[in-house]
Each structure stands twice: as C-alpha cells, then as structure tokens.
Amino acid sequence: MASRGAAGSPISVEKMSLDQLKAIKEQSDTEVNLLQDSLNKIRTAATRLEIAANALQDLSFRPQGKKMLVPLTSSLYVPGTLHDESKVLVDVGTGYFIEKTMAEGKDYCERKINLLKSNYDELVERKVEGRWNDKWRMWNGNGDLDQSSPLLNSQARSCSSSPSCELATES
C-alpha cells in the first residue's frame, strides 16, 4: 500500500483515524442532504404544476361571467370574474406572465411537468451511478481508501498531522 502523503494513493482503512472516518461520513451526509433538498424542490415544483394543469382543466368548464377567487399567491385569493374562458395568463417566472390559449396553457404545464420529471429521474440516476462509482473508487476494491476527493484530501492531511483533529463542517 502507498503512503498517506502521496496524492491519489490509497490509505488503508485500518490506518485511518476516527476523525478521518468522521470526515468521510460528514462528506457523505452533506451530499445526501443536498441531493434530498434538490429532489424535494423538484417534486414540489412538479406538484404545483400538476395542480395548475388541473385548475386549467376545471377552468375550461366554467361559463363566462362566473365569479371566482383568483390566487395571487399560494395563500392570498381575490374575488374575480371570468371574462374569457379561452385565454389564461401563464406565470413563466420572475413576475412575468404570458397570455396563452387554454390549450397552450395546458401544453405549457405538461411540458414543464415532463421536464421536471426527467430532471428528477436524471438526478436520481446520476447520483446513484455517481455514488456507486465513488464508493468503488474510494474503497478501491481492497479496503483501501482512494484520496481522489479534495475535501477528503485536505481533511485527511490535516488530521494525519495533528494528534487532536478538529474537523470543519460545511454549511
């Protein structure tokens, strides 16, 4: 096995200190939390778009002149009247709205939902593949830890030179 100091060389797991193992765990926990946050945000956005698509479907059945509550935010509604059931305003982000026909509005929602679902699937697939490849590289198949991670490299070097290692956590 190669020595600890050589960059890119494996470190035997048995020779790692508790602090070095904690650094690996903290790095993995951080990655998992970031992934979970990203997946939750994608799911939330997809759910909101599905609700909007259902609202468009419901709106298409309402007669002209119908009084209703119009959402300004997720918790603020104002009274309004439906003047033209064939046209809708679509929020395209950062305060911009585009007038579209009902069919174009439904199509927009469906395209965005499909995009979010494909992003979600791609993120899950890439992360699962990445974690498998990282673990394979990290453990190198023989119980040795590969020092390919920059965070792991810096923390392992600082911990190996100090008898009382304090690890910095990323926020």
C-alpha atoms as a PDB file:
ATOM      1  CA  MET A   1       0.000   0.000   0.000  1.00  0.00           C
ATOM      2  CA  ALA A   2       1.186   3.513  -0.743  1.00  0.00           C
ATOM      3  CA  SER A   3       1.969   6.035   1.936  1.00  0.00           C
ATOM      4  CA  ARG A   4      -0.575   8.517   3.279  1.00  0.00           C
ATOM      5  CA  GLY A   5       1.096  11.630   1.956  1.00  0.00           C
ATOM      6  CA  ALA A   6       1.156  10.752  -1.724  1.00  0.00           C
ATOM      7  CA  ALA A   7      -1.730  12.387  -3.586  1.00  0.00           C
ATOM      8  CA  GLY A   8      -4.081   9.941  -5.236  1.00  0.00           C
ATOM      9  CA  SER A   9      -2.692   6.998  -3.330  1.00  0.00           C
ATOM     10  CA  PRO A  10      -4.898   4.778  -1.197  1.00  0.00           C
ATOM     11  CA  ILE A  11      -4.998   4.860   2.591  1.00  0.00           C
ATOM     12  CA  SER A  12      -5.717   1.631   4.411  1.00  0.00           C
ATOM     13  CA  VAL A  13      -8.998   1.866   6.302  1.00  0.00           C
ATOM     14  CA  GLU A  14      -7.397   0.192   9.282  1.00  0.00           C
ATOM     15  CA  LYS A  15      -4.812   3.003   9.461  1.00  0.00           C
ATOM     16  CA  MET A  16      -7.351   5.824   9.339  1.00  0.00           C
ATOM     17  CA  SER A  17      -8.086   7.733  12.496  1.00  0.00           C
ATOM     18  CA  LEU A  18     -11.575   8.150  13.856  1.00  0.00           C
ATOM     19  CA  ASP A  19     -11.525  11.802  12.786  1.00  0.00           C
ATOM     20  CA  GLN A  20     -10.716  10.833   9.199  1.00  0.00           C
ATOM     21  CA  LEU A  21     -13.606   8.382   9.153  1.00  0.00           C
ATOM     22  CA  LYS A  22     -15.860  11.102  10.600  1.00  0.00           C
ATOM     23  CA  ALA A  23     -14.765  13.397   7.756  1.00  0.00           C
ATOM     24  CA  ILE A  24     -15.845  10.782   5.216  1.00  0.00           C
ATOM     25  CA  LYS A  25     -19.184  10.341   6.975  1.00  0.00           C
ATOM     26  CA  GLU A  26     -19.776  14.112   7.132  1.00  0.00           C
ATOM     27  CA  GLN A  27     -18.981  14.478   3.434  1.00  0.00           C
ATOM     28  CA  SER A  28     -21.418  11.685   2.566  1.00  0.00           C
ATOM     29  CA  ASP A  29     -24.100  13.157   4.837  1.00  0.00           C
ATOM     30  CA  THR A  30     -23.685  16.584   3.199  1.00  0.00           C
ATOM     31  CA  GLU A  31     -24.013  15.081  -0.280  1.00  0.00           C
ATOM     32  CA  VAL A  32     -27.118  13.112   0.711  1.00  0.00           C
ATOM     33  CA  ASN A  33     -28.749  16.196   2.270  1.00  0.00           C
ATOM     34  CA  LEU A  34     -28.058  18.320  -0.828  1.00  0.00           C
ATOM     35  CA  LEU A  35     -29.476  15.617  -3.067  1.00  0.00           C
ATOM     36  CA  GLN A  36     -32.575  15.244  -0.891  1.00  0.00           C
ATOM     37  CA  ASP A  37     -33.164  19.015  -0.913  1.00  0.00           C
ATOM     38  CA  SER A  38     -32.861  19.140  -4.710  1.00  0.00           C
ATOM     39  CA  LEU A  39     -35.230  16.216  -5.157  1.00  0.00           C
ATOM     40  CA  ASN A  40     -37.769  17.759  -2.770  1.00  0.00           C
ATOM     41  CA  LYS A  41     -37.691  21.077  -4.667  1.00  0.00           C
ATOM     42  CA  ILE A  42     -38.243  19.297  -7.981  1.00  0.00           C
ATOM     43  CA  ARG A  43     -41.140  17.287  -6.522  1.00  0.00           C
ATOM     44  CA  THR A  44     -42.724  20.442  -5.088  1.00  0.00           C
ATOM     45  CA  ALA A  45     -42.472  22.280  -8.404  1.00  0.00           C
ATOM     46  CA  ALA A  46     -43.946  19.313 -10.306  1.00  0.00           C
ATOM     47  CA  THR A  47     -46.829  19.075  -7.825  1.00  0.00           C
ATOM     48  CA  ARG A  48     -47.601  22.792  -8.209  1.00  0.00           C
ATOM     49  CA  LEU A  49     -47.634  22.440 -11.998  1.00  0.00           C
ATOM     50  CA  GLU A  50     -49.950  19.425 -11.785  1.00  0.00           C
ATOM     51  CA  ILE A  51     -52.309  21.467  -9.608  1.00  0.00           C
ATOM     52  CA  ALA A  52     -52.171  24.287 -12.169  1.00  0.00           C
ATOM     53  CA  ALA A  53     -52.909  21.873 -15.027  1.00  0.00           C
ATOM     54  CA  ASN A  54     -55.925  20.522 -13.096  1.00  0.00           C
ATOM     55  CA  ALA A  55     -57.096  24.089 -12.416  1.00  0.00           C
ATOM     56  CA  LEU A  56     -56.897  24.846 -16.150  1.00  0.00           C
ATOM     57  CA  GLN A  57     -58.987  21.765 -16.861  1.00  0.00           C
ATOM     58  CA  ASP A  58     -61.564  22.900 -14.303  1.00  0.00           C
ATOM     59  CA  LEU A  59     -61.493  26.461 -15.637  1.00  0.00           C
ATOM     60  CA  SER A  60     -62.316  25.305 -19.162  1.00  0.00           C
ATOM     61  CA  PHE A  61     -65.701  24.031 -17.935  1.00  0.00           C
ATOM     62  CA  ARG A  62     -66.757  27.281 -16.225  1.00  0.00           C
ATOM     63  CA  PRO A  63     -69.102  29.679 -18.037  1.00  0.00           C
ATOM     64  CA  GLN A  64     -68.129  33.214 -18.988  1.00  0.00           C
ATOM     65  CA  GLY A  65     -69.062  35.768 -16.301  1.00  0.00           C
ATOM     66  CA  LYS A  66     -68.626  33.223 -13.490  1.00  0.00           C
ATOM     67  CA  LYS A  67     -67.461  34.788 -10.214  1.00  0.00           C
ATOM     68  CA  MET A  68     -64.479  33.064  -8.586  1.00  0.00           C
ATOM     69  CA  LEU A  69     -61.484  33.537  -6.313  1.00  0.00           C
ATOM     70  CA  VAL A  70     -58.249  34.237  -8.176  1.00  0.00           C
ATOM     71  CA  PRO A  71     -54.999  33.172  -6.475  1.00  0.00           C
ATOM     72  CA  LEU A  72     -52.361  35.910  -6.221  1.00  0.00           C
ATOM     73  CA  THR A  73     -50.065  33.753  -4.075  1.00  0.00           C
ATOM     74  CA  SER A  74     -50.408  30.309  -2.561  1.00  0.00           C
ATOM     75  CA  SER A  75     -52.335  31.766   0.381  1.00  0.00           C
ATOM     76  CA  LEU A  76     -53.880  35.010  -0.968  1.00  0.00           C
ATOM     77  CA  TYR A  77     -57.006  34.980  -3.151  1.00  0.00           C
ATOM     78  CA  VAL A  78     -59.010  37.904  -4.515  1.00  0.00           C
ATOM     79  CA  PRO A  79     -62.510  37.908  -5.999  1.00  0.00           C
ATOM     80  CA  GLY A  80     -62.644  37.955  -9.787  1.00  0.00           C
ATOM     81  CA  THR A  81     -64.883  37.293 -12.755  1.00  0.00           C
ATOM     82  CA  LEU A  82     -64.127  35.008 -15.687  1.00  0.00           C
ATOM     83  CA  HIS A  83     -64.371  37.147 -18.843  1.00  0.00           C
ATOM     84  CA  ASP A  84     -62.822  34.857 -21.451  1.00  0.00           C
ATOM     85  CA  GLU A  85     -62.575  31.166 -20.646  1.00  0.00           C
ATOM     86  CA  SER A  86     -60.422  30.509 -23.714  1.00  0.00           C
ATOM     87  CA  LYS A  87     -57.447  32.630 -22.567  1.00  0.00           C
ATOM     88  CA  VAL A  88     -55.235  32.318 -19.486  1.00  0.00           C
ATOM     89  CA  LEU A  89     -52.219  34.100 -18.049  1.00  0.00           C
ATOM     90  CA  VAL A  90     -49.269  31.773 -17.521  1.00  0.00           C
ATOM     91  CA  ASP A  91     -46.620  32.640 -14.918  1.00  0.00           C
ATOM     92  CA  VAL A  92     -43.291  31.971 -16.647  1.00  0.00           C
ATOM     93  CA  GLY A  93     -41.182  33.069 -13.687  1.00  0.00           C
ATOM     94  CA  THR A  94     -39.706  36.166 -12.043  1.00  0.00           C
ATOM     95  CA  GLY A  95     -43.011  38.020 -12.236  1.00  0.00           C
ATOM     96  CA  TYR A  96     -43.574  37.607 -15.980  1.00  0.00           C
ATOM     97  CA  PHE A  97     -46.908  36.414 -17.331  1.00  0.00           C
ATOM     98  CA  ILE A  98     -47.800  35.420 -20.881  1.00  0.00           C
ATOM     99  CA  GLU A  99     -51.309  35.290 -22.269  1.00  0.00           C
ATOM    100  CA  LYS A 100     -51.998  31.925 -23.877  1.00  0.00           C
ATOM    101  CA  THR A 101     -54.972  29.985 -25.084  1.00  0.00           C
ATOM    102  CA  MET A 102     -56.317  27.292 -22.780  1.00  0.00           C
ATOM    103  CA  ALA A 103     -54.716  24.553 -24.918  1.00  0.00           C
ATOM    104  CA  GLU A 104     -51.336  26.359 -24.943  1.00  0.00           C
ATOM    105  CA  GLY A 105     -51.535  26.777 -21.167  1.00  0.00           C
ATOM    106  CA  LYS A 106     -52.215  23.075 -20.672  1.00  0.00           C
ATOM    107  CA  ASP A 107     -49.412  22.214 -23.076  1.00  0.00           C
ATOM    108  CA  TYR A 108     -47.021  24.529 -21.195  1.00  0.00           C
ATOM    109  CA  CYS A 109     -47.866  22.842 -17.890  1.00  0.00           C
ATOM    110  CA  GLU A 110     -47.442  19.357 -19.353  1.00  0.00           C
ATOM    111  CA  ARG A 111     -44.068  20.235 -20.919  1.00  0.00           C
ATOM    112  CA  LYS A 112     -42.806  21.695 -17.638  1.00  0.00           C
ATOM    113  CA  ILE A 113     -44.045  18.661 -15.681  1.00  0.00           C
ATOM    114  CA  ASN A 114     -42.301  16.300 -18.118  1.00  0.00           C
ATOM    115  CA  LEU A 115     -39.108  18.372 -17.907  1.00  0.00           C
ATOM    116  CA  LEU A 116     -39.146  18.297 -14.107  1.00  0.00           C
ATOM    117  CA  LYS A 117     -39.836  14.562 -14.020  1.00  0.00           C
ATOM    118  CA  SER A 118     -36.985  13.862 -16.446  1.00  0.00           C
ATOM    119  CA  ASN A 119     -34.677  16.114 -14.377  1.00  0.00           C
ATOM    120  CA  TYR A 120     -35.741  14.246 -11.248  1.00  0.00           C
ATOM    121  CA  ASP A 121     -35.092  10.847 -12.842  1.00  0.00           C
ATOM    122  CA  GLU A 122     -31.770  12.003 -14.278  1.00  0.00           C
ATOM    123  CA  LEU A 123     -30.657  13.405 -10.923  1.00  0.00           C
ATOM    124  CA  VAL A 124     -31.548  10.182  -9.125  1.00  0.00           C
ATOM    125  CA  GLU A 125     -29.870   8.042 -11.797  1.00  0.00           C
ATOM    126  CA  ARG A 126     -26.736  10.190 -11.941  1.00  0.00           C
ATOM    127  CA  LYS A 127     -26.433  10.308  -8.163  1.00  0.00           C
ATOM    128  CA  VAL A 128     -26.917   6.552  -7.777  1.00  0.00           C
ATOM    129  CA  GLU A 129     -24.329   5.877 -10.502  1.00  0.00           C
ATOM    130  CA  GLY A 130     -22.023   8.518  -9.056  1.00  0.00           C
ATOM    131  CA  ARG A 131     -22.269   7.153  -5.528  1.00  0.00           C
ATOM    132  CA  TRP A 132     -21.572   3.621  -6.756  1.00  0.00           C
ATOM    133  CA  ASN A 133     -18.566   4.786  -8.784  1.00  0.00           C
ATOM    134  CA  ASP A 134     -17.354   6.965  -5.909  1.00  0.00           C
ATOM    135  CA  LYS A 135     -17.597   4.105  -3.442  1.00  0.00           C
ATOM    136  CA  TRP A 136     -15.833   1.782  -5.857  1.00  0.00           C
ATOM    137  CA  ARG A 137     -13.076   4.337  -6.390  1.00  0.00           C
ATOM    138  CA  MET A 138     -12.986   5.300  -2.722  1.00  0.00           C
ATOM    139  CA  TRP A 139     -12.627   1.774  -1.403  1.00  0.00           C
ATOM    140  CA  ASN A 140     -10.588   0.684  -4.417  1.00  0.00           C
ATOM    141  CA  GLY A 141     -11.928  -2.848  -4.097  1.00  0.00           C
ATOM    142  CA  ASN A 142      -9.353  -3.896  -1.493  1.00  0.00           C
ATOM    143  CA  GLY A 143     -10.203  -1.984   1.683  1.00  0.00           C
ATOM    144  CA  ASP A 144      -8.023   0.970   0.726  1.00  0.00           C
ATOM    145  CA  LEU A 145      -9.397   4.476   0.601  1.00  0.00           C
ATOM    146  CA  ASP A 146      -8.624   6.423  -2.574  1.00  0.00           C
ATOM    147  CA  GLN A 147      -7.740  10.060  -1.896  1.00  0.00           C
ATOM    148  CA  SER A 148      -9.461  11.395  -5.013  1.00  0.00           C
ATOM    149  CA  SER A 149     -11.802  13.716  -3.088  1.00  0.00           C
ATOM    150  CA  PRO A 150     -10.367  17.222  -2.494  1.00  0.00           C
ATOM    151  CA  LEU A 151     -12.324  17.635   0.759  1.00  0.00           C
ATOM    152  CA  LEU A 152     -11.186  14.241   1.950  1.00  0.00           C
ATOM    153  CA  ASN A 153      -7.592  15.011   0.918  1.00  0.00           C
ATOM    154  CA  SER A 154      -7.423  18.254   2.872  1.00  0.00           C
ATOM    155  CA  GLN A 155      -9.124  16.842   5.960  1.00  0.00           C
ATOM    156  CA  ALA A 156      -7.103  13.638   5.894  1.00  0.00           C
ATOM    157  CA  ARG A 157      -3.840  15.578   5.609  1.00  0.00           C
ATOM    158  CA  SER A 158      -4.746  17.955   8.438  1.00  0.00           C
ATOM    159  CA  CYS A 159      -5.919  15.105  10.657  1.00  0.00           C
ATOM    160  CA  SER A 160      -2.884  12.957   9.978  1.00  0.00           C
ATOM    161  CA  SER A 161      -0.509  15.701  11.129  1.00  0.00           C
ATOM    162  CA  SER A 162      -2.439  16.714  14.248  1.00  0.00           C
ATOM    163  CA  PRO A 163      -2.976  14.461  17.278  1.00  0.00           C
ATOM    164  CA  SER A 164      -6.197  16.317  18.180  1.00  0.00           C
ATOM    165  CA  CYS A 165      -8.020  16.877  14.922  1.00  0.00           C
ATOM    166  CA  GLU A 166     -10.917  19.360  14.741  1.00  0.00           C
ATOM    167  CA  LEU A 167     -12.957  18.965  11.568  1.00  0.00           C
ATOM    168  CA  ALA A 168     -14.647  21.919   9.935  1.00  0.00           C
ATOM    169  CA  THR A 169     -18.139  21.228   8.699  1.00  0.00           C
ATOM    170  CA  GLU A 170     -19.547  22.791   5.560  1.00  0.00           C
ATOM    171  CA  SER A 171     -22.877  24.606   5.848  1.00  0.00           C
END
